[in-house]
Amino acid sequence: MLFTEFPFLVFFALCFCVHWALPSQRERKPWLLACSYAFYAWWDWRFLGLILLVTVVNYAAALQMVASKNSRTRKRWVVVSLVISLGVLAVFKYFNFFVASATEMLSTLGFGSEQPVLD
């Protein structure tokens, strides 16, 4: 679903209308989260587990930060959250780019190698 296609207009209208029909933020937040997952799944449902993992890790880290009175502990949870989120981003978005760059550099230096990619 692209932003310029008709299905997105229908999806957006549904999400928008239901959002404002819900009585409070307590109901709206899960609705928007579900809409986000549905939008993401429209592109490729196989990555839902990945986005769910990142959501759960960040939510758990936020709960730990709120519960902690120690500044160092809160900072550690921020680091955990960032490392996991940026690690997932690096692997699934930039892995192929870095492998292709390394393979090209190695072939320039005279070393041949096969290029593993994530599909």
C-alpha atoms as a PDB file:
ATOM      1  CA  MET A   1       0.000   0.000   0.000  1.00  0.00           C
ATOM      2  CA  LEU A   2       1.469   3.299  -1.101  1.00  0.00           C
ATOM      3  CA  PHE A   3       0.430   6.717   0.138  1.00  0.00           C
ATOM      4  CA  THR A   4      -0.670   7.661  -3.385  1.00  0.00           C
ATOM      5  CA  GLU A   5      -2.983   4.678  -3.894  1.00  0.00           C
ATOM      6  CA  PHE A   6      -6.713   4.467  -3.214  1.00  0.00           C
ATOM      7  CA  PRO A   7      -6.435   1.615  -0.634  1.00  0.00           C
ATOM      8  CA  PHE A   8      -4.333   3.907   1.550  1.00  0.00           C
ATOM      9  CA  LEU A   9      -7.045   6.570   1.444  1.00  0.00           C
ATOM     10  CA  VAL A  10      -9.615   4.011   2.635  1.00  0.00           C
ATOM     11  CA  PHE A  11      -7.217   2.698   5.289  1.00  0.00           C
ATOM     12  CA  PHE A  12      -6.427   6.200   6.516  1.00  0.00           C
ATOM     13  CA  ALA A  13     -10.092   7.219   6.613  1.00  0.00           C
ATOM     14  CA  LEU A  14     -10.963   4.118   8.639  1.00  0.00           C
ATOM     15  CA  CYS A  15      -8.085   4.627  11.072  1.00  0.00           C
ATOM     16  CA  PHE A  16      -8.848   8.328  11.449  1.00  0.00           C
ATOM     17  CA  CYS A  17     -12.585   7.909  12.019  1.00  0.00           C
ATOM     18  CA  VAL A  18     -12.220   5.069  14.515  1.00  0.00           C
ATOM     19  CA  HIS A  19      -9.454   6.952  16.320  1.00  0.00           C
ATOM     20  CA  TRP A  20     -11.669   9.986  16.952  1.00  0.00           C
ATOM     21  CA  ALA A  21     -14.698   7.814  17.737  1.00  0.00           C
ATOM     22  CA  LEU A  22     -12.871   6.150  20.617  1.00  0.00           C
ATOM     23  CA  PRO A  23     -13.592   7.881  23.930  1.00  0.00           C
ATOM     24  CA  SER A  24     -10.120   8.202  25.447  1.00  0.00           C
ATOM     25  CA  GLN A  25      -6.386   7.925  24.906  1.00  0.00           C
ATOM     26  CA  ARG A  26      -6.441   4.572  26.694  1.00  0.00           C
ATOM     27  CA  GLU A  27      -8.352   3.072  23.744  1.00  0.00           C
ATOM     28  CA  ARG A  28      -6.751   5.206  21.020  1.00  0.00           C
ATOM     29  CA  LYS A  29      -3.160   4.172  21.611  1.00  0.00           C
ATOM     30  CA  PRO A  30      -3.707   0.415  21.083  1.00  0.00           C
ATOM     31  CA  TRP A  31      -5.866   1.239  18.057  1.00  0.00           C
ATOM     32  CA  LEU A  32      -3.074   3.286  16.472  1.00  0.00           C
ATOM     33  CA  LEU A  33      -0.571   0.553  17.278  1.00  0.00           C
ATOM     34  CA  ALA A  34      -2.805  -2.027  15.588  1.00  0.00           C
ATOM     35  CA  CYS A  35      -3.208   0.275  12.578  1.00  0.00           C
ATOM     36  CA  SER A  36       0.558   0.650  12.373  1.00  0.00           C
ATOM     37  CA  TYR A  37       1.019  -3.115  12.417  1.00  0.00           C
ATOM     38  CA  ALA A  38      -1.674  -3.525   9.742  1.00  0.00           C
ATOM     39  CA  PHE A  39      -0.014  -0.906   7.532  1.00  0.00           C
ATOM     40  CA  TYR A  40       3.364  -2.589   7.969  1.00  0.00           C
ATOM     41  CA  ALA A  41       1.866  -6.039   7.325  1.00  0.00           C
ATOM     42  CA  TRP A  42       0.294  -4.812   4.101  1.00  0.00           C
ATOM     43  CA  TRP A  43       3.828  -4.347   2.780  1.00  0.00           C
ATOM     44  CA  ASP A  44       5.230  -7.692   3.995  1.00  0.00           C
ATOM     45  CA  TRP A  45       3.582  -9.669   6.799  1.00  0.00           C
ATOM     46  CA  ARG A  46       6.725 -11.753   7.389  1.00  0.00           C
ATOM     47  CA  PHE A  47       8.375  -8.866   9.237  1.00  0.00           C
ATOM     48  CA  LEU A  48       5.608  -8.498  11.802  1.00  0.00           C
ATOM     49  CA  GLY A  49       7.514 -10.667  14.256  1.00  0.00           C
ATOM     50  CA  LEU A  50      10.488  -8.363  13.923  1.00  0.00           C
ATOM     51  CA  ILE A  51       8.534  -5.175  14.550  1.00  0.00           C
ATOM     52  CA  LEU A  52       6.687  -6.881  17.412  1.00  0.00           C
ATOM     53  CA  LEU A  53      10.042  -7.864  18.955  1.00  0.00           C
ATOM     54  CA  VAL A  54      11.324  -4.281  18.769  1.00  0.00           C
ATOM     55  CA  THR A  55       8.045  -2.980  20.229  1.00  0.00           C
ATOM     56  CA  VAL A  56       8.146  -5.413  23.162  1.00  0.00           C
ATOM     57  CA  VAL A  57      11.831  -4.723  23.898  1.00  0.00           C
ATOM     58  CA  ASN A  58      11.339  -0.946  23.856  1.00  0.00           C
ATOM     59  CA  TYR A  59       8.163  -1.135  25.929  1.00  0.00           C
ATOM     60  CA  ALA A  60       9.858  -3.364  28.507  1.00  0.00           C
ATOM     61  CA  ALA A  61      12.874  -1.046  28.612  1.00  0.00           C
ATOM     62  CA  ALA A  62      10.577   1.960  29.130  1.00  0.00           C
ATOM     63  CA  LEU A  63       8.799   0.200  32.000  1.00  0.00           C
ATOM     64  CA  GLN A  64      12.161  -0.571  33.599  1.00  0.00           C
ATOM     65  CA  MET A  65      13.258   3.058  33.206  1.00  0.00           C
ATOM     66  CA  VAL A  66      10.081   4.316  34.864  1.00  0.00           C
ATOM     67  CA  ALA A  67      10.401   1.820  37.723  1.00  0.00           C
ATOM     68  CA  SER A  68      14.050   2.603  38.404  1.00  0.00           C
ATOM     69  CA  LYS A  69      15.113   5.338  40.797  1.00  0.00           C
ATOM     70  CA  ASN A  70      18.770   5.027  39.831  1.00  0.00           C
ATOM     71  CA  SER A  71      19.980   7.270  37.001  1.00  0.00           C
ATOM     72  CA  ARG A  72      22.646   4.778  35.899  1.00  0.00           C
ATOM     73  CA  THR A  73      20.104   1.974  35.634  1.00  0.00           C
ATOM     74  CA  ARG A  74      17.817   4.142  33.504  1.00  0.00           C
ATOM     75  CA  LYS A  75      20.715   5.015  31.212  1.00  0.00           C
ATOM     76  CA  ARG A  76      21.580   1.340  30.841  1.00  0.00           C
ATOM     77  CA  TRP A  77      18.018   0.583  29.754  1.00  0.00           C
ATOM     78  CA  VAL A  78      18.207   3.391  27.209  1.00  0.00           C
ATOM     79  CA  VAL A  79      21.406   1.854  25.861  1.00  0.00           C
ATOM     80  CA  VAL A  80      19.813  -1.618  25.697  1.00  0.00           C
ATOM     81  CA  SER A  81      16.839  -0.210  23.830  1.00  0.00           C
ATOM     82  CA  LEU A  82      19.008   1.733  21.385  1.00  0.00           C
ATOM     83  CA  VAL A  83      21.402  -1.142  20.723  1.00  0.00           C
ATOM     84  CA  ILE A  84      18.590  -3.555  19.929  1.00  0.00           C
ATOM     85  CA  SER A  85      16.605  -1.082  17.824  1.00  0.00           C
ATOM     86  CA  LEU A  86      19.603   0.181  15.876  1.00  0.00           C
ATOM     87  CA  GLY A  87      20.994  -3.346  15.590  1.00  0.00           C
ATOM     88  CA  VAL A  88      17.788  -4.602  13.990  1.00  0.00           C
ATOM     89  CA  LEU A  89      17.805  -1.587  11.672  1.00  0.00           C
ATOM     90  CA  ALA A  90      21.450  -2.149  10.717  1.00  0.00           C
ATOM     91  CA  VAL A  91      20.986  -5.829   9.969  1.00  0.00           C
ATOM     92  CA  PHE A  92      17.724  -5.686   8.050  1.00  0.00           C
ATOM     93  CA  LYS A  93      18.186  -2.380   6.231  1.00  0.00           C
ATOM     94  CA  TYR A  94      21.928  -1.966   5.691  1.00  0.00           C
ATOM     95  CA  PHE A  95      23.380  -5.509   5.740  1.00  0.00           C
ATOM     96  CA  ASN A  96      23.217  -5.938   1.957  1.00  0.00           C
ATOM     97  CA  PHE A  97      24.795  -2.518   1.384  1.00  0.00           C
ATOM     98  CA  PHE A  98      27.758  -3.240   3.663  1.00  0.00           C
ATOM     99  CA  VAL A  99      28.267  -6.728   2.241  1.00  0.00           C
ATOM    100  CA  ALA A 100      28.190  -5.402  -1.340  1.00  0.00           C
ATOM    101  CA  SER A 101      30.679  -2.662  -0.431  1.00  0.00           C
ATOM    102  CA  ALA A 102      33.017  -5.124   1.283  1.00  0.00           C
ATOM    103  CA  THR A 103      32.761  -7.560  -1.640  1.00  0.00           C
ATOM    104  CA  GLU A 104      33.573  -4.813  -4.141  1.00  0.00           C
ATOM    105  CA  MET A 105      36.538  -3.674  -2.058  1.00  0.00           C
ATOM    106  CA  LEU A 106      37.844  -7.248  -1.778  1.00  0.00           C
ATOM    107  CA  SER A 107      37.476  -7.828  -5.512  1.00  0.00           C
ATOM    108  CA  THR A 108      39.371  -4.559  -6.166  1.00  0.00           C
ATOM    109  CA  LEU A 109      42.176  -5.897  -3.980  1.00  0.00           C
ATOM    110  CA  GLY A 110      42.199  -9.158  -5.956  1.00  0.00           C
ATOM    111  CA  PHE A 111      40.227 -11.346  -3.583  1.00  0.00           C
ATOM    112  CA  GLY A 112      37.158 -13.077  -4.920  1.00  0.00           C
ATOM    113  CA  SER A 113      34.282 -13.845  -2.632  1.00  0.00           C
ATOM    114  CA  GLU A 114      30.638 -14.717  -2.785  1.00  0.00           C
ATOM    115  CA  GLN A 115      28.199 -12.166  -1.559  1.00  0.00           C
ATOM    116  CA  PRO A 116      25.648 -13.328   1.019  1.00  0.00           C
ATOM    117  CA  VAL A 117      22.493 -11.218   0.951  1.00  0.00           C
ATOM    118  CA  LEU A 118      19.289 -10.994   2.945  1.00  0.00           C
ATOM    119  CA  ASP A 119      16.210 -11.315   0.779  1.00  0.00           C
END
